[in-house]
């Protein structure tokens, strides 16, 4: 599983950080950043929540 953040869409709302702080942070530019490119399978539910919570739909999960 791979996480993709579209930085053109991201507004830095940090909803992804609320859902999965192990995977996301918001940088100084107010854009979501990945802490890991290939998160553990055990985080799948949190990542799905982050995708749903993103108000701009800037996050996507891709299968390897």
N, C-alpha and C. Protein backbone atom coordinates (compact mmCIF):
# COMPACT_ATOMS: atom_id res chain seq x y z
N UNK A 1 0.85 -1.18 0.00
CA UNK A 1 0.00 0.00 0.00
C UNK A 1 0.89 1.23 0.00
N UNK A 2 0.51 2.20 -0.83
CA UNK A 2 1.25 3.45 -0.93
C UNK A 2 0.28 4.60 -0.73
N UNK A 3 0.72 5.64 -0.05
CA UNK A 3 -0.09 6.81 0.19
C UNK A 3 0.41 7.93 -0.73
N UNK A 4 -0.53 8.62 -1.37
CA UNK A 4 -0.20 9.72 -2.26
C UNK A 4 -0.94 10.97 -1.80
N UNK A 5 -0.21 12.08 -1.69
CA UNK A 5 -0.81 13.37 -1.33
C UNK A 5 -0.65 14.30 -2.53
N UNK A 6 -1.77 14.82 -3.03
CA UNK A 6 -1.74 15.79 -4.12
C UNK A 6 -1.53 17.17 -3.50
N UNK A 7 -0.32 17.68 -3.61
CA UNK A 7 0.01 18.96 -2.98
C UNK A 7 -0.68 20.14 -3.64
N UNK A 8 -1.17 19.96 -4.86
CA UNK A 8 -1.93 21.03 -5.52
C UNK A 8 -3.30 21.19 -4.87
N UNK A 9 -3.84 20.10 -4.33
CA UNK A 9 -5.16 20.15 -3.68
C UNK A 9 -5.08 20.42 -2.18
N UNK A 10 -4.00 20.00 -1.55
CA UNK A 10 -3.88 20.09 -0.09
C UNK A 10 -3.93 21.54 0.39
N UNK A 11 -4.76 21.77 1.41
CA UNK A 11 -4.88 23.10 2.03
C UNK A 11 -4.31 23.13 3.45
N UNK A 12 -3.75 22.03 3.90
CA UNK A 12 -3.15 22.00 5.23
C UNK A 12 -4.17 21.99 6.36
N UNK A 13 -5.33 21.40 6.14
CA UNK A 13 -6.37 21.34 7.17
C UNK A 13 -6.01 20.40 8.32
N UNK A 14 -5.02 19.54 8.11
CA UNK A 14 -4.49 18.62 9.13
C UNK A 14 -5.48 17.57 9.59
N UNK A 15 -6.52 17.33 8.83
CA UNK A 15 -7.45 16.26 9.20
C UNK A 15 -6.76 14.91 9.08
N UNK A 16 -5.84 14.79 8.14
CA UNK A 16 -5.08 13.55 7.98
C UNK A 16 -4.22 13.28 9.21
N UNK A 17 -3.67 14.33 9.79
CA UNK A 17 -2.84 14.19 10.99
C UNK A 17 -3.70 13.71 12.16
N UNK A 18 -4.92 14.21 12.24
CA UNK A 18 -5.85 13.74 13.27
C UNK A 18 -6.13 12.25 13.13
N UNK A 19 -6.31 11.81 11.90
CA UNK A 19 -6.68 10.42 11.64
C UNK A 19 -5.49 9.47 11.75
N UNK A 20 -4.32 9.89 11.27
CA UNK A 20 -3.16 8.99 11.22
C UNK A 20 -1.86 9.76 11.48
N UNK A 21 -1.63 10.16 12.73
CA UNK A 21 -0.43 10.94 13.04
C UNK A 21 0.87 10.15 12.83
N UNK A 22 0.76 8.84 12.72
CA UNK A 22 1.95 8.02 12.46
C UNK A 22 2.43 8.17 11.02
N UNK A 23 1.54 8.69 10.16
CA UNK A 23 1.84 8.74 8.73
C UNK A 23 1.97 10.17 8.19
N UNK A 24 1.23 11.12 8.78
CA UNK A 24 1.18 12.47 8.24
C UNK A 24 1.67 13.51 9.24
N UNK A 25 2.18 14.61 8.67
CA UNK A 25 2.46 15.83 9.41
C UNK A 25 2.17 16.98 8.46
N UNK A 26 2.00 18.18 9.00
CA UNK A 26 1.81 19.36 8.17
C UNK A 26 3.08 20.18 8.26
N UNK A 27 3.66 20.48 7.10
CA UNK A 27 4.92 21.21 7.04
C UNK A 27 4.75 22.71 7.21
N UNK A 28 5.86 23.42 7.19
CA UNK A 28 5.85 24.87 7.33
C UNK A 28 5.10 25.56 6.19
N UNK A 29 4.96 24.85 5.07
CA UNK A 29 4.23 25.41 3.93
C UNK A 29 2.74 25.09 3.98
N UNK A 30 2.28 24.57 5.12
CA UNK A 30 0.87 24.21 5.32
C UNK A 30 0.39 23.15 4.34
N UNK A 31 1.26 22.22 4.01
CA UNK A 31 0.93 21.09 3.14
C UNK A 31 1.21 19.81 3.90
N UNK A 32 0.37 18.80 3.66
CA UNK A 32 0.57 17.50 4.31
C UNK A 32 1.84 16.86 3.79
N UNK A 33 2.58 16.24 4.67
CA UNK A 33 3.80 15.52 4.34
C UNK A 33 3.69 14.12 4.90
N UNK A 34 4.26 13.18 4.17
CA UNK A 34 4.27 11.79 4.62
C UNK A 34 5.48 11.54 5.50
N UNK A 35 5.25 10.88 6.60
CA UNK A 35 6.35 10.45 7.46
C UNK A 35 6.92 9.13 6.97
N UNK A 36 6.12 8.38 6.21
CA UNK A 36 6.54 7.13 5.61
C UNK A 36 5.79 6.95 4.29
N UNK A 37 6.47 6.50 3.28
CA UNK A 37 5.86 6.30 1.98
C UNK A 37 5.06 5.02 1.87
N UNK A 38 5.46 4.02 2.62
CA UNK A 38 4.77 2.73 2.60
C UNK A 38 4.43 2.33 4.03
N UNK A 39 3.32 2.80 4.55
CA UNK A 39 2.95 2.52 5.94
C UNK A 39 2.58 1.05 6.16
N UNK A 40 2.65 0.65 7.39
CA UNK A 40 2.32 -0.72 7.77
C UNK A 40 0.85 -1.02 7.48
N UNK A 41 0.58 -2.25 7.13
CA UNK A 41 -0.78 -2.71 6.84
C UNK A 41 -1.71 -2.45 8.03
N UNK A 42 -1.18 -2.48 9.22
CA UNK A 42 -1.99 -2.27 10.43
C UNK A 42 -2.58 -0.85 10.49
N UNK A 43 -2.08 0.06 9.68
CA UNK A 43 -2.58 1.44 9.66
C UNK A 43 -3.64 1.66 8.59
N UNK A 44 -4.02 0.63 7.86
CA UNK A 44 -4.96 0.77 6.74
C UNK A 44 -6.26 1.46 7.16
N UNK A 45 -6.86 1.08 8.27
CA UNK A 45 -8.13 1.70 8.69
C UNK A 45 -7.95 3.19 8.98
N UNK A 46 -6.85 3.55 9.62
CA UNK A 46 -6.58 4.97 9.89
C UNK A 46 -6.37 5.74 8.59
N UNK A 47 -5.71 5.12 7.63
CA UNK A 47 -5.48 5.78 6.35
C UNK A 47 -6.77 5.95 5.56
N UNK A 48 -7.63 4.97 5.61
CA UNK A 48 -8.93 5.10 4.95
C UNK A 48 -9.72 6.25 5.57
N UNK A 49 -9.63 6.38 6.89
CA UNK A 49 -10.29 7.49 7.57
C UNK A 49 -9.69 8.82 7.12
N UNK A 50 -8.37 8.89 7.01
CA UNK A 50 -7.71 10.12 6.55
C UNK A 50 -8.18 10.50 5.16
N UNK A 51 -8.32 9.52 4.27
CA UNK A 51 -8.82 9.79 2.92
C UNK A 51 -10.23 10.37 2.99
N UNK A 52 -11.08 9.77 3.79
CA UNK A 52 -12.47 10.24 3.91
C UNK A 52 -12.56 11.63 4.56
N UNK A 53 -11.68 11.91 5.51
CA UNK A 53 -11.74 13.17 6.26
C UNK A 53 -11.16 14.36 5.49
N UNK A 54 -10.34 14.11 4.51
CA UNK A 54 -9.70 15.20 3.78
C UNK A 54 -10.75 16.02 3.02
N UNK A 55 -10.92 17.29 3.37
CA UNK A 55 -11.96 18.09 2.73
C UNK A 55 -11.71 18.36 1.25
N UNK A 56 -10.48 18.21 0.80
CA UNK A 56 -10.14 18.47 -0.61
C UNK A 56 -9.87 17.20 -1.40
N UNK A 57 -10.05 16.04 -0.78
CA UNK A 57 -9.76 14.76 -1.42
C UNK A 57 -8.35 14.74 -2.01
N UNK A 58 -7.40 15.23 -1.22
CA UNK A 58 -6.01 15.33 -1.67
C UNK A 58 -5.20 14.07 -1.36
N UNK A 59 -5.81 13.10 -0.69
CA UNK A 59 -5.09 11.88 -0.28
C UNK A 59 -5.69 10.68 -1.00
N UNK A 60 -4.80 9.81 -1.46
CA UNK A 60 -5.25 8.58 -2.12
C UNK A 60 -4.40 7.43 -1.64
N UNK A 61 -5.02 6.25 -1.58
CA UNK A 61 -4.29 5.02 -1.28
C UNK A 61 -4.15 4.22 -2.57
N UNK A 62 -2.95 3.77 -2.84
CA UNK A 62 -2.66 2.96 -4.03
C UNK A 62 -2.12 1.62 -3.56
N UNK A 63 -2.57 0.58 -4.20
CA UNK A 63 -2.05 -0.76 -3.88
C UNK A 63 -0.75 -0.98 -4.63
N UNK A 64 0.21 -1.58 -3.95
CA UNK A 64 1.52 -1.87 -4.57
C UNK A 64 1.39 -2.89 -5.67
